[in-house]
PDB file of N, CA and C in Angstrom:
ATOM      1  N   UNK A   1     109.987 138.653  48.736  1.00  0.00           N
ATOM      2  CA  UNK A   1     110.086 138.621  50.254  1.00  0.00           C
ATOM      3  C   UNK A   1     110.729 137.681  50.824  1.00  0.00           C
ATOM      4  N   UNK A   2     111.253 136.548  49.792  1.00  0.00           N
ATOM      5  CA  UNK A   2     112.084 136.009  49.953  1.00  0.00           C
ATOM      6  C   UNK A   2     113.695 135.732  49.782  1.00  0.00           C
ATOM      7  N   UNK A   3     114.047 137.225  49.375  1.00  0.00           N
ATOM      8  CA  UNK A   3     115.177 137.633  48.837  1.00  0.00           C
ATOM      9  C   UNK A   3     115.677 139.569  49.186  1.00  0.00           C
ATOM     10  N   UNK A   4     114.515 140.016  48.383  1.00  0.00           N
ATOM     11  CA  UNK A   4     114.470 141.347  48.089  1.00  0.00           C
ATOM     12  C   UNK A   4     114.646 141.957  50.155  1.00  0.00           C
ATOM     13  N   UNK A   5     113.069 141.634  50.615  1.00  0.00           N
ATOM     14  CA  UNK A   5     113.886 142.495  51.911  1.00  0.00           C
ATOM     15  C   UNK A   5     113.809 141.143  52.957  1.00  0.00           C
ATOM     16  N   UNK A   6     114.161 140.549  52.720  1.00  0.00           N
ATOM     17  CA  UNK A   6     115.381 139.600  53.830  1.00  0.00           C
ATOM     18  C   UNK A   6     117.160 140.011  53.688  1.00  0.00           C
ATOM     19  N   UNK A   7     116.908 140.244  52.577  1.00  0.00           N
ATOM     20  CA  UNK A   7     118.423 141.422  52.721  1.00  0.00           C
ATOM     21  C   UNK A   7     118.579 142.048  53.884  1.00  0.00           C
ATOM     22  N   UNK A   8     116.851 142.578  54.351  1.00  0.00           N
ATOM     23  CA  UNK A   8     117.947 143.745  55.321  1.00  0.00           C
ATOM     24  C   UNK A   8     117.304 142.733  56.649  1.00  0.00           C
ATOM     25  N   UNK A   9     118.885 143.152  58.134  1.00  0.00           N
ATOM     26  CA  UNK A   9     118.620 142.430  58.642  1.00  0.00           C
ATOM     27  C   UNK A   9     118.332 143.750  59.654  1.00  0.00           C
ATOM     28  N   UNK A  10     118.702 143.153  61.128  1.00  0.00           N
ATOM     29  CA  UNK A  10     118.925 144.300  62.442  1.00  0.00           C
ATOM     30  C   UNK A  10     119.694 144.957  62.260  1.00  0.00           C
ATOM     31  N   UNK A  11     121.060 144.692  62.607  1.00  0.00           N
ATOM     32  CA  UNK A  11     122.086 145.362  62.347  1.00  0.00           C
ATOM     33  C   UNK A  11     122.818 145.642  60.945  1.00  0.00           C
ATOM     34  N   UNK A  12     122.346 145.358  59.794  1.00  0.00           N
ATOM     35  CA  UNK A  12     123.300 144.816  58.599  1.00  0.00           C
ATOM     36  C   UNK A  12     121.965 144.522  57.246  1.00  0.00           C
ATOM     37  N   UNK A  13     122.828 144.734  56.019  1.00  0.00           N
ATOM     38  CA  UNK A  13     121.838 144.630  55.420  1.00  0.00           C
ATOM     39  C   UNK A  13     123.315 143.186  54.438  1.00  0.00           C
ATOM     40  N   UNK A  14     122.966 142.433  53.541  1.00  0.00           N
ATOM     41  CA  UNK A  14     123.518 140.857  52.929  1.00  0.00           C
ATOM     42  C   UNK A  14     122.874 141.421  51.733  1.00  0.00           C
ATOM     43  N   UNK A  15     123.643 140.536  50.854  1.00  0.00           N
ATOM     44  CA  UNK A  15     122.739 140.354  49.377  1.00  0.00           C
ATOM     45  C   UNK A  15     121.941 139.106  49.227  1.00  0.00           C
ATOM     46  N   UNK A  16     121.104 139.573  48.097  1.00  0.00           N
ATOM     47  CA  UNK A  16     120.459 138.568  47.888  1.00  0.00           C
ATOM     48  C   UNK A  16     120.820 136.952  47.947  1.00  0.00           C
ATOM     49  N   UNK A  17     121.441 136.184  47.344  1.00  0.00           N
ATOM     50  CA  UNK A  17     122.217 135.454  47.624  1.00  0.00           C
ATOM     51  C   UNK A  17     122.047 134.878  49.142  1.00  0.00           C
ATOM     52  N   UNK A  18     122.834 135.783  49.666  1.00  0.00           N
ATOM     53  CA  UNK A  18     122.968 134.997  51.213  1.00  0.00           C
ATOM     54  C   UNK A  18     121.732 135.036  51.452  1.00  0.00           C
ATOM     55  N   UNK A  19     120.887 136.113  52.326  1.00  0.00           N
ATOM     56  CA  UNK A  19     119.282 136.120  52.324  1.00  0.00           C
ATOM     57  C   UNK A  19     118.632 135.280  51.675  1.00  0.00           C
ATOM     58  N   UNK A  20     118.444 134.497  50.487  1.00  0.00           N
ATOM     59  CA  UNK A  20     117.722 133.393  50.098  1.00  0.00           C
ATOM     60  C   UNK A  20     118.732 131.583  50.301  1.00  0.00           C
ATOM     61  N   UNK A  21     120.185 131.914  49.697  1.00  0.00           N
ATOM     62  CA  UNK A  21     120.648 130.783  50.410  1.00  0.00           C
ATOM     63  C   UNK A  21     121.402 130.161  51.948  1.00  0.00           C
ATOM     64  N   UNK A  22     121.213 131.235  52.882  1.00  0.00           N
ATOM     65  CA  UNK A  22     121.862 131.158  54.289  1.00  0.00           C
ATOM     66  C   UNK A  22     120.777 130.407  54.907  1.00  0.00           C
ATOM     67  N   UNK A  23     119.670 130.313  54.274  1.00  0.00           N
ATOM     68  CA  UNK A  23     118.646 129.253  55.448  1.00  0.00           C
ATOM     69  C   UNK A  23     117.327 129.105  53.922  1.00  0.00           C
ATOM     70  N   UNK A  24     117.957 128.140  53.131  1.00  0.00           N
ATOM     71  CA  UNK A  24     116.425 128.123  52.048  1.00  0.00           C
ATOM     72  C   UNK A  24     115.780 127.430  52.414  1.00  0.00           C
ATOM     73  N   UNK A  25     115.669 126.653  53.633  1.00  0.00           N
ATOM     74  CA  UNK A  25     114.186 126.011  53.743  1.00  0.00           C
ATOM     75  C   UNK A  25     113.508 127.409  54.247  1.00  0.00           C
ATOM     76  N   UNK A  26     113.779 128.455  54.577  1.00  0.00           N
ATOM     77  CA  UNK A  26     112.947 129.381  55.535  1.00  0.00           C
ATOM     78  C   UNK A  26     112.542 130.260  53.530  1.00  0.00           C
ATOM     79  N   UNK A  27     114.020 130.393  53.234  1.00  0.00           N
ATOM     80  CA  UNK A  27     113.411 130.734  52.123  1.00  0.00           C
ATOM     81  C   UNK A  27     112.341 130.353  50.730  1.00  0.00           C
ATOM     82  N   UNK A  28     112.058 128.598  51.026  1.00  0.00           N
ATOM     83  CA  UNK A  28     111.547 128.763  50.464  1.00  0.00           C
ATOM     84  C   UNK A  28     109.705 128.615  50.944  1.00  0.00           C
ATOM     85  N   UNK A  29     109.634 128.903  52.043  1.00  0.00           N
ATOM     86  CA  UNK A  29     108.695 128.411  53.241  1.00  0.00           C
ATOM     87  C   UNK A  29     108.012 129.896  52.390  1.00  0.00           C
ATOM     88  N   UNK A  30     108.476 130.713  53.257  1.00  0.00           N
ATOM     89  CA  UNK A  30     107.967 132.246  52.239  1.00  0.00           C
ATOM     90  C   UNK A  30     107.768 132.286  50.813  1.00  0.00           C
ATOM     91  N   UNK A  31     109.024 132.142  49.912  1.00  0.00           N
ATOM     92  CA  UNK A  31     108.187 132.618  48.520  1.00  0.00           C
ATOM     93  C   UNK A  31     106.919 131.454  47.881  1.00  0.00           C
ATOM     94  N   UNK A  32     107.260 130.567  48.898  1.00  0.00           N
ATOM     95  CA  UNK A  32     105.902 129.305  48.465  1.00  0.00           C
ATOM     96  C   UNK A  32     104.810 129.790  48.959  1.00  0.00           C
ATOM     97  N   UNK A  33     104.880 130.353  50.486  1.00  0.00           N
ATOM     98  CA  UNK A  33     103.961 131.235  51.077  1.00  0.00           C
ATOM     99  C   UNK A  33     103.282 132.885  50.239  1.00  0.00           C
ATOM    100  N   UNK A  34     103.540 133.528  49.400  1.00  0.00           N
ATOM    101  CA  UNK A  34     103.776 134.801  48.139  1.00  0.00           C
ATOM    102  C   UNK A  34     103.596 133.567  47.587  1.00  0.00           C
ATOM    103  N   UNK A  35     103.863 132.626  46.882  1.00  0.00           N
ATOM    104  CA  UNK A  35     102.792 132.440  45.570  1.00  0.00           C
ATOM    105  C   UNK A  35     101.536 131.742  46.073  1.00  0.00           C
ATOM    106  N   UNK A  36     101.171 131.553  47.422  1.00  0.00           N
ATOM    107  CA  UNK A  36     100.333 130.897  47.256  1.00  0.00           C
ATOM    108  C   UNK A  36      98.933 131.758  47.327  1.00  0.00           C
ATOM    109  N   UNK A  37      99.796 133.367  48.211  1.00  0.00           N
ATOM    110  CA  UNK A  37      99.003 134.245  47.973  1.00  0.00           C
ATOM    111  C   UNK A  37      98.485 135.223  46.130  1.00  0.00           C
ATOM    112  N   UNK A  38      99.361 135.165  45.916  1.00  0.00           N
ATOM    113  CA  UNK A  38      99.376 135.082  44.288  1.00  0.00           C
ATOM    114  C   UNK A  38      98.330 134.288  44.211  1.00  0.00           C
ATOM    115  N   UNK A  39      98.361 133.295  43.978  1.00  0.00           N
ATOM    116  CA  UNK A  39      97.006 132.251  43.385  1.00  0.00           C
ATOM    117  C   UNK A  39      95.601 132.296  43.867  1.00  0.00           C
ATOM    118  N   UNK A  40      95.604 132.866  45.621  1.00  0.00           N
ATOM    119  CA  UNK A  40      94.290 133.419  45.762  1.00  0.00           C
ATOM    120  C   UNK A  40      93.795 134.566  45.060  1.00  0.00           C
ATOM    121  N   UNK A  41      94.583 135.622  44.877  1.00  0.00           N
ATOM    122  CA  UNK A  41      94.593 136.738  44.082  1.00  0.00           C
ATOM    123  C   UNK A  41      93.752 135.928  41.855  1.00  0.00           C
ATOM    124  N   UNK A  42      94.200 135.056  41.920  1.00  0.00           N
ATOM    125  CA  UNK A  42      94.425 135.173  40.647  1.00  0.00           C
ATOM    126  C   UNK A  42      95.257 134.535  39.903  1.00  0.00           C
ATOM    127  N   UNK A  43      96.335 134.744  40.813  1.00  0.00           N
ATOM    128  CA  UNK A  43      97.309 134.001  39.934  1.00  0.00           C
ATOM    129  C   UNK A  43      97.295 133.095  39.075  1.00  0.00           C
ATOM    130  N   UNK A  44      97.699 132.526  37.650  1.00  0.00           N
ATOM    131  CA  UNK A  44      97.932 131.132  37.354  1.00  0.00           C
ATOM    132  C   UNK A  44      98.939 130.398  37.897  1.00  0.00           C
ATOM    133  N   UNK A  45      98.948 128.833  38.099  1.00  0.00           N
ATOM    134  CA  UNK A  45     100.734 128.758  38.553  1.00  0.00           C
ATOM    135  C   UNK A  45     101.429 128.843  37.393  1.00  0.00           C
ATOM    136  N   UNK A  46     101.050 128.977  36.540  1.00  0.00           N
ATOM    137  CA  UNK A  46     102.109 128.446  35.094  1.00  0.00           C
ATOM    138  C   UNK A  46     102.621 130.149  34.656  1.00  0.00           C
ATOM    139  N   UNK A  47     101.861 131.053  35.707  1.00  0.00           N
ATOM    140  CA  UNK A  47     102.624 132.080  35.975  1.00  0.00           C
ATOM    141  C   UNK A  47     103.685 132.426  36.621  1.00  0.00           C
ATOM    142  N   UNK A  48     103.878 131.652  37.423  1.00  0.00           N
ATOM    143  CA  UNK A  48     105.082 131.994  38.822  1.00  0.00           C
ATOM    144  C   UNK A  48     105.932 130.653  38.093  1.00  0.00           C
ATOM    145  N   UNK A  49     107.196 131.608  38.555  1.00  0.00           N
ATOM    146  CA  UNK A  49     109.091 130.759  38.355  1.00  0.00           C
ATOM    147  C   UNK A  49     108.397 130.186  40.283  1.00  0.00           C
ATOM    148  N   UNK A  50     108.838 128.935  39.459  1.00  0.00           N
ATOM    149  CA  UNK A  50     109.244 127.606  40.885  1.00  0.00           C
ATOM    150  C   UNK A  50     110.282 128.395  41.718  1.00  0.00           C
ATOM    151  N   UNK A  51     110.017 127.636  42.517  1.00  0.00           N
ATOM    152  CA  UNK A  51     111.142 128.360  43.825  1.00  0.00           C
ATOM    153  C   UNK A  51     112.951 128.296  43.071  1.00  0.00           C
ATOM    154  N   UNK A  52     112.487 126.698  42.399  1.00  0.00           N
ATOM    155  CA  UNK A  52     114.361 126.394  42.379  1.00  0.00           C
ATOM    156  C   UNK A  52     114.392 127.189  41.457  1.00  0.00           C
ATOM    157  N   UNK A  53     113.783 128.132  40.438  1.00  0.00           N
ATOM    158  CA  UNK A  53     114.519 128.388  39.323  1.00  0.00           C
ATOM    159  C   UNK A  53     114.651 130.079  39.939  1.00  0.00           C
ATOM    160  N   UNK A  54     114.213 130.216  40.854  1.00  0.00           N
ATOM    161  CA  UNK A  54     114.727 131.550  41.985  1.00  0.00           C
ATOM    162  C   UNK A  54     115.560 131.097  42.198  1.00  0.00           C
ATOM    163  N   UNK A  55     115.786 130.447  43.319  1.00  0.00           N
ATOM    164  CA  UNK A  55     117.056 130.344  44.385  1.00  0.00           C
ATOM    165  C   UNK A  55     118.506 129.852  43.143  1.00  0.00           C
ATOM    166  N   UNK A  56     117.906 129.311  41.990  1.00  0.00           N
ATOM    167  CA  UNK A  56     119.423 129.465  41.368  1.00  0.00           C
ATOM    168  C   UNK A  56     119.404 130.855  40.795  1.00  0.00           C
ATOM    169  N   UNK A  57     118.885 131.134  40.018  1.00  0.00           N
ATOM    170  CA  UNK A  57     118.974 133.069  40.065  1.00  0.00           C
ATOM    171  C   UNK A  57     119.447 133.509  41.048  1.00  0.00           C
ATOM    172  N   UNK A  58     118.980 133.364  42.578  1.00  0.00           N
ATOM    173  CA  UNK A  58     119.838 133.967  43.376  1.00  0.00           C
ATOM    174  C   UNK A  58     121.312 133.966  44.099  1.00  0.00           C
ATOM    175  N   UNK A  59     121.857 132.462  42.970  1.00  0.00           N
ATOM    176  CA  UNK A  59     123.121 132.182  43.487  1.00  0.00           C
ATOM    177  C   UNK A  59     124.000 133.580  42.394  1.00  0.00           C
ATOM    178  N   UNK A  60     123.140 134.488  41.927  1.00  0.00           N
ATOM    179  CA  UNK A  60     124.204 135.435  41.085  1.00  0.00           C
ATOM    180  C   UNK A  60     124.088 136.633  41.116  1.00  0.00           C
ATOM    181  N   UNK A  61     123.237 136.559  42.568  1.00  0.00           N
ATOM    182  CA  UNK A  61     122.497 137.854  42.955  1.00  0.00           C
ATOM    183  C   UNK A  61     123.900 138.393  44.251  1.00  0.00           C
ATOM    184  N   UNK A  62     124.788 138.705  43.799  1.00  0.00           N
ATOM    185  CA  UNK A  62     126.002 138.995  44.937  1.00  0.00           C
ATOM    186  C   UNK A  62     125.971 140.816  45.349  1.00  0.00           C
ATOM    187  N   UNK A  63     125.251 141.305  45.711  1.00  0.00           N
ATOM    188  CA  UNK A  63     125.122 143.111  45.855  1.00  0.00           C
ATOM    189  C   UNK A  63     123.453 143.134  47.102  1.00  0.00           C
ATOM    190  N   UNK A  64     122.983 143.602  47.891  1.00  0.00           N
ATOM    191  CA  UNK A  64     121.911 143.365  48.507  1.00  0.00           C
ATOM    192  C   UNK A  64     121.142 144.727  47.723  1.00  0.00           C
ATOM    193  N   UNK A  65     119.213 144.067  47.490  1.00  0.00           N
ATOM    194  CA  UNK A  65     118.342 144.766  46.993  1.00  0.00           C
ATOM    195  C   UNK A  65     118.770 146.114  47.198  1.00  0.00           C
ATOM    196  N   UNK A  66     117.542 146.612  45.920  1.00  0.00           N
ATOM    197  CA  UNK A  66     118.162 147.832  46.023  1.00  0.00           C
ATOM    198  C   UNK A  66     116.888 148.733  47.215  1.00  0.00           C
ATOM    199  N   UNK A  67     115.956 147.697  48.248  1.00  0.00           N
ATOM    200  CA  UNK A  67     115.400 148.608  49.073  1.00  0.00           C
ATOM    201  C   UNK A  67     116.606 148.719  50.142  1.00  0.00           C
ATOM    202  N   UNK A  68     117.347 147.444  50.498  1.00  0.00           N
ATOM    203  CA  UNK A  68     118.039 147.313  51.759  1.00  0.00           C
ATOM    204  C   UNK A  68     119.541 148.340  51.454  1.00  0.00           C
ATOM    205  N   UNK A  69     119.499 147.905  50.018  1.00  0.00           N
ATOM    206  CA  UNK A  69     120.428 149.624  50.266  1.00  0.00           C
ATOM    207  C   UNK A  69     120.298 151.336  50.461  1.00  0.00           C
ATOM    208  N   UNK A  70     118.801 150.844  50.010  1.00  0.00           N
ATOM    209  CA  UNK A  70     118.102 152.722  50.461  1.00  0.00           C
ATOM    210  C   UNK A  70     117.891 152.372  51.767  1.00  0.00           C
ATOM    211  N   UNK A  71     117.851 151.769  52.358  1.00  0.00           N
ATOM    212  CA  UNK A  71     117.380 151.612  53.892  1.00  0.00           C
ATOM    213  C   UNK A  71     119.159 152.011  54.334  1.00  0.00           C
ATOM    214  N   UNK A  72     120.181 151.085  53.795  1.00  0.00           N
ATOM    215  CA  UNK A  72     121.437 151.524  54.689  1.00  0.00           C
ATOM    216  C   UNK A  72     121.633 152.616  54.260  1.00  0.00           C
ATOM    217  N   UNK A  73     121.247 153.644  52.935  1.00  0.00           N
ATOM    218  CA  UNK A  73     121.774 155.217  52.998  1.00  0.00           C
ATOM    219  C   UNK A  73     120.842 155.760  53.113  1.00  0.00           C
ATOM    220  N   UNK A  74     120.267 155.472  54.015  1.00  0.00           N
ATOM    221  CA  UNK A  74     118.707 156.316  55.105  1.00  0.00           C
ATOM    222  C   UNK A  74     118.236 156.871  54.182  1.00  0.00           C
ATOM    223  N   UNK A  75     117.421 156.354  53.458  1.00  0.00           N
ATOM    224  CA  UNK A  75     116.578 156.566  53.093  1.00  0.00           C
ATOM    225  C   UNK A  75     115.324 156.562  53.819  1.00  0.00           C
ATOM    226  N   UNK A  76     114.081 158.010  54.045  1.00  0.00           N
ATOM    227  CA  UNK A  76     113.162 157.590  55.088  1.00  0.00           C
ATOM    228  C   UNK A  76     111.941 157.376  54.334  1.00  0.00           C
ATOM    229  N   UNK A  77     112.088 156.863  52.654  1.00  0.00           N
ATOM    230  CA  UNK A  77     110.487 157.159  51.575  1.00  0.00           C
ATOM    231  C   UNK A  77     111.444 155.901  51.038  1.00  0.00           C
ATOM    232  N   UNK A  78     110.640 154.261  50.814  1.00  0.00           N
ATOM    233  CA  UNK A  78     110.811 153.472  50.656  1.00  0.00           C
ATOM    234  C   UNK A  78     109.497 153.096  49.613  1.00  0.00           C
ATOM    235  N   UNK A  79     109.973 151.701  48.542  1.00  0.00           N
ATOM    236  CA  UNK A  79     108.761 150.836  48.528  1.00  0.00           C
ATOM    237  C   UNK A  79     108.638 150.096  48.917  1.00  0.00           C
ATOM    238  N   UNK A  80     107.035 149.955  49.503  1.00  0.00           N
ATOM    239  CA  UNK A  80     106.660 149.045  50.285  1.00  0.00           C
ATOM    240  C   UNK A  80     106.058 148.205  50.292  1.00  0.00           C
ATOM    241  N   UNK A  81     106.616 146.803  49.483  1.00  0.00           N
ATOM    242  CA  UNK A  81     106.146 145.889  49.135  1.00  0.00           C
ATOM    243  C   UNK A  81     105.326 144.928  49.897  1.00  0.00           C
ATOM    244  N   UNK A  82     106.938 145.001  50.654  1.00  0.00           N
ATOM    245  CA  UNK A  82     106.755 144.414  51.660  1.00  0.00           C
ATOM    246  C   UNK A  82     105.499 144.628  53.011  1.00  0.00           C
ATOM    247  N   UNK A  83     105.214 145.230  53.065  1.00  0.00           N
ATOM    248  CA  UNK A  83     103.535 146.365  53.311  1.00  0.00           C
ATOM    249  C   UNK A  83     102.224 145.814  52.616  1.00  0.00           C
ATOM    250  N   UNK A  84     102.638 145.847  51.118  1.00  0.00           N
ATOM    251  CA  UNK A  84     101.448 145.278  50.462  1.00  0.00           C
ATOM    252  C   UNK A  84     101.432 144.013  50.555  1.00  0.00           C
ATOM    253  N   UNK A  85     102.386 142.866  50.224  1.00  0.00           N
ATOM    254  CA  UNK A  85     101.852 141.994  50.577  1.00  0.00           C
ATOM    255  C   UNK A  85     100.833 141.610  52.166  1.00  0.00           C
ATOM    256  N   UNK A  86     101.941 141.994  52.767  1.00  0.00           N
ATOM    257  CA  UNK A  86     101.381 141.605  54.435  1.00  0.00           C
ATOM    258  C   UNK A  86      99.577 142.440  53.959  1.00  0.00           C
ATOM    259  N   UNK A  87      99.759 143.688  53.595  1.00  0.00           N
ATOM    260  CA  UNK A  87      97.885 143.710  53.246  1.00  0.00           C
ATOM    261  C   UNK A  87      97.616 142.950  53.117  1.00  0.00           C
ATOM    262  N   UNK A  88      97.650 142.610  51.588  1.00  0.00           N
ATOM    263  CA  UNK A  88      96.742 141.646  50.303  1.00  0.00           C
ATOM    264  C   UNK A  88      96.907 140.702  51.724  1.00  0.00           C
ATOM    265  N   UNK A  89      97.463 140.314  52.060  1.00  0.00           N
ATOM    266  CA  UNK A  89      97.288 139.022  52.627  1.00  0.00           C
ATOM    267  C   UNK A  89      96.428 138.996  54.416  1.00  0.00           C
ATOM    268  N   UNK A  90      96.122 139.924  54.227  1.00  0.00           N
ATOM    269  CA  UNK A  90      95.403 140.036  55.630  1.00  0.00           C
ATOM    270  C   UNK A  90      94.133 140.076  55.140  1.00  0.00           C
ATOM    271  N   UNK A  91      94.255 141.019  54.263  1.00  0.00           N
ATOM    272  CA  UNK A  91      92.641 140.825  53.535  1.00  0.00           C
ATOM    273  C   UNK A  91      91.794 139.275  52.654  1.00  0.00           C
ATOM    274  N   UNK A  92      92.958 138.562  52.907  1.00  0.00           N
ATOM    275  CA  UNK A  92      92.629 137.156  52.452  1.00  0.00           C
ATOM    276  C   UNK A  92      92.802 135.554  53.725  1.00  0.00           C
ATOM    277  N   UNK A  93      92.726 136.294  54.826  1.00  0.00           N
ATOM    278  CA  UNK A  93      93.012 135.670  56.143  1.00  0.00           C
ATOM    279  C   UNK A  93      94.332 134.956  56.108  1.00  0.00           C
ATOM    280  N   UNK A  94      94.866 135.461  55.567  1.00  0.00           N
ATOM    281  CA  UNK A  94      96.358 135.031  55.801  1.00  0.00           C
ATOM    282  C   UNK A  94      97.531 135.749  55.743  1.00  0.00           C
ATOM    283  N   UNK A  95      98.768 135.207  56.894  1.00  0.00           N
ATOM    284  CA  UNK A  95      99.317 135.823  57.667  1.00  0.00           C
ATOM    285  C   UNK A  95     100.394 134.619  57.762  1.00  0.00           C
ATOM    286  N   UNK A  96     102.241 135.339  57.800  1.00  0.00           N
ATOM    287  CA  UNK A  96     102.993 134.687  58.152  1.00  0.00           C
ATOM    288  C   UNK A  96     103.910 135.717  59.002  1.00  0.00           C
ATOM    289  N   UNK A  97     104.777 134.700  59.850  1.00  0.00           N
ATOM    290  CA  UNK A  97     105.379 135.492  60.965  1.00  0.00           C
ATOM    291  C   UNK A  97     106.993 135.907  60.306  1.00  0.00           C
ATOM    292  N   UNK A  98     107.519 135.491  59.115  1.00  0.00           N
ATOM    293  CA  UNK A  98     108.461 136.162  58.897  1.00  0.00           C
ATOM    294  C   UNK A  98     108.303 137.092  57.802  1.00  0.00           C
ATOM    295  N   UNK A  99     107.132 137.410  57.092  1.00  0.00           N
ATOM    296  CA  UNK A  99     107.166 138.518  56.688  1.00  0.00           C
ATOM    297  C   UNK A  99     106.591 139.864  57.510  1.00  0.00           C
ATOM    298  N   UNK A 100     105.761 138.933  58.768  1.00  0.00           N
ATOM    299  CA  UNK A 100     105.310 140.203  59.620  1.00  0.00           C
ATOM    300  C   UNK A 100     106.738 140.878  60.354  1.00  0.00           C
ATOM    301  N   UNK A 101     107.748 139.975  60.672  1.00  0.00           N
ATOM    302  CA  UNK A 101     108.743 140.134  60.704  1.00  0.00           C
ATOM    303  C   UNK A 101     109.478 141.222  60.387  1.00  0.00           C
ATOM    304  N   UNK A 102     109.964 140.714  58.654  1.00  0.00           N
ATOM    305  CA  UNK A 102     110.446 141.301  57.873  1.00  0.00           C
ATOM    306  C   UNK A 102     109.816 143.094  57.672  1.00  0.00           C
ATOM    307  N   UNK A 103     108.434 142.731  58.226  1.00  0.00           N
ATOM    308  CA  UNK A 103     107.695 144.586  58.164  1.00  0.00           C
ATOM    309  C   UNK A 103     108.247 145.406  59.490  1.00  0.00           C
ATOM    310  N   UNK A 104     108.324 145.094  60.405  1.00  0.00           N
ATOM    311  CA  UNK A 104     108.467 145.154  61.424  1.00  0.00           C
ATOM    312  C   UNK A 104     109.916 145.957  61.569  1.00  0.00           C
ATOM    313  N   UNK A 105     110.591 145.192  60.729  1.00  0.00           N
ATOM    314  CA  UNK A 105     112.575 145.112  60.825  1.00  0.00           C
ATOM    315  C   UNK A 105     112.327 146.238  60.067  1.00  0.00           C
ATOM    316  N   UNK A 106     111.754 146.749  58.884  1.00  0.00           N
ATOM    317  CA  UNK A 106     112.012 147.984  57.978  1.00  0.00           C
ATOM    318  C   UNK A 106     111.376 149.039  58.515  1.00  0.00           C
ATOM    319  N   UNK A 107     110.029 149.022  59.009  1.00  0.00           N
ATOM    320  CA  UNK A 107     109.655 150.263  59.658  1.00  0.00           C
ATOM    321  C   UNK A 107     110.881 150.185  61.381  1.00  0.00           C
ATOM    322  N   UNK A 108     111.224 149.239  62.026  1.00  0.00           N
ATOM    323  CA  UNK A 108     112.286 150.167  62.640  1.00  0.00           C
ATOM    324  C   UNK A 108     114.256 150.757  61.822  1.00  0.00           C
ATOM    325  N   UNK A 109     114.399 150.272  60.469  1.00  0.00           N
ATOM    326  CA  UNK A 109     114.852 150.985  60.102  1.00  0.00           C
ATOM    327  C   UNK A 109     114.541 152.233  59.646  1.00  0.00           C
ATOM    328  N   UNK A 110     113.196 152.762  59.276  1.00  0.00           N
ATOM    329  CA  UNK A 110     113.032 153.581  58.481  1.00  0.00           C
ATOM    330  C   UNK A 110     112.596 154.577  60.015  1.00  0.00           C
ATOM    331  N   UNK A 111     112.475 154.150  60.778  1.00  0.00           N
ATOM    332  CA  UNK A 111     112.488 154.958  62.256  1.00  0.00           C
ATOM    333  C   UNK A 111     113.454 155.428  62.815  1.00  0.00           C
ATOM    334  N   UNK A 112     115.144 154.966  61.994  1.00  0.00           N
ATOM    335  CA  UNK A 112     116.050 155.255  62.635  1.00  0.00           C
ATOM    336  C   UNK A 112     116.868 156.556  61.526  1.00  0.00           C
ATOM    337  N   UNK A 113     115.839 155.886  60.407  1.00  0.00           N
ATOM    338  CA  UNK A 113     116.177 157.987  59.642  1.00  0.00           C
ATOM    339  C   UNK A 113     116.112 158.253  59.425  1.00  0.00           C
ATOM    340  N   UNK A 114     114.566 158.577  60.085  1.00  0.00           N
ATOM    341  CA  UNK A 114     113.537 159.633  60.366  1.00  0.00           C
ATOM    342  C   UNK A 114     114.420 160.415  61.414  1.00  0.00           C
ATOM    343  N   UNK A 115     114.149 159.832  62.641  1.00  0.00           N
ATOM    344  CA  UNK A 115     115.858 160.165  63.674  1.00  0.00           C
ATOM    345  C   UNK A 115     116.492 160.547  63.132  1.00  0.00           C
ATOM    346  N   UNK A 116     117.417 160.598  61.709  1.00  0.00           N
ATOM    347  CA  UNK A 116     118.472 161.291  61.365  1.00  0.00           C
ATOM    348  C   UNK A 116     119.777 160.304  62.091  1.00  0.00           C
ATOM    349  N   UNK A 117     119.437 158.549  62.093  1.00  0.00           N
ATOM    350  CA  UNK A 117     119.916 157.706  62.935  1.00  0.00           C
ATOM    351  C   UNK A 117     120.565 156.854  61.713  1.00  0.00           C
ATOM    352  N   UNK A 118     121.003 156.686  60.612  1.00  0.00           N
ATOM    353  CA  UNK A 118     120.783 155.842  59.404  1.00  0.00           C
ATOM    354  C   UNK A 118     122.097 155.092  59.200  1.00  0.00           C
ATOM    355  N   UNK A 119     122.428 154.307  58.629  1.00  0.00           N
ATOM    356  CA  UNK A 119     123.515 153.336  57.962  1.00  0.00           C
ATOM    357  C   UNK A 119     124.020 152.933  58.824  1.00  0.00           C
ATOM    358  N   UNK A 120     125.126 151.661  58.859  1.00  0.00           N
ATOM    359  CA  UNK A 120     125.361 151.241  59.864  1.00  0.00           C
ATOM    360  C   UNK A 120     125.808 151.566  60.889  1.00  0.00           C
ATOM    361  N   UNK A 121     126.407 152.507  61.170  1.00  0.00           N
ATOM    362  CA  UNK A 121     127.226 153.314  62.197  1.00  0.00           C
ATOM    363  C   UNK A 121     126.209 153.398  63.379  1.00  0.00           C
ATOM    364  N   UNK A 122     125.052 153.993  63.013  1.00  0.00           N
ATOM    365  CA  UNK A 122     123.452 154.263  63.787  1.00  0.00           C
ATOM    366  C   UNK A 122     123.542 152.975  64.462  1.00  0.00           C
ATOM    367  N   UNK A 123     123.485 151.933  64.182  1.00  0.00           N
ATOM    368  CA  UNK A 123     122.905 150.538  64.704  1.00  0.00           C
ATOM    369  C   UNK A 123     123.848 149.955  66.458  1.00  0.00           C
ATOM    370  N   UNK A 124     124.755 150.543  66.124  1.00  0.00           N
ATOM    371  CA  UNK A 124     125.936 150.799  67.211  1.00  0.00           C
ATOM    372  C   UNK A 124     125.445 151.136  68.478  1.00  0.00           C
TER     373      UNK A 124
END
């Protein structure tokens, strides 16, 4: 959620590096929230990658995520890990405004694809 789905913006897609490092504080907040969610369903702290390590790896990720590339290519069906996370969180009475906004953003890209308006040209 901190990188792969935040590659998706309203009018373009961006690299994972940019998604994570353009606003490191927000990325950290989303990442830590998802970690709390994972712990709430049984993950052990020792099983989770610390944000600093994740952010370091993201520096080398110069391409958009596969989900972002699929949306930009006009895909009408994609893996919806964003919705899975949102749904699991709701079952735990947890919510995050960035996650919710990302889900809606992905929904809007999918609607455009279903309407036959995909890719950057469809956003003009």
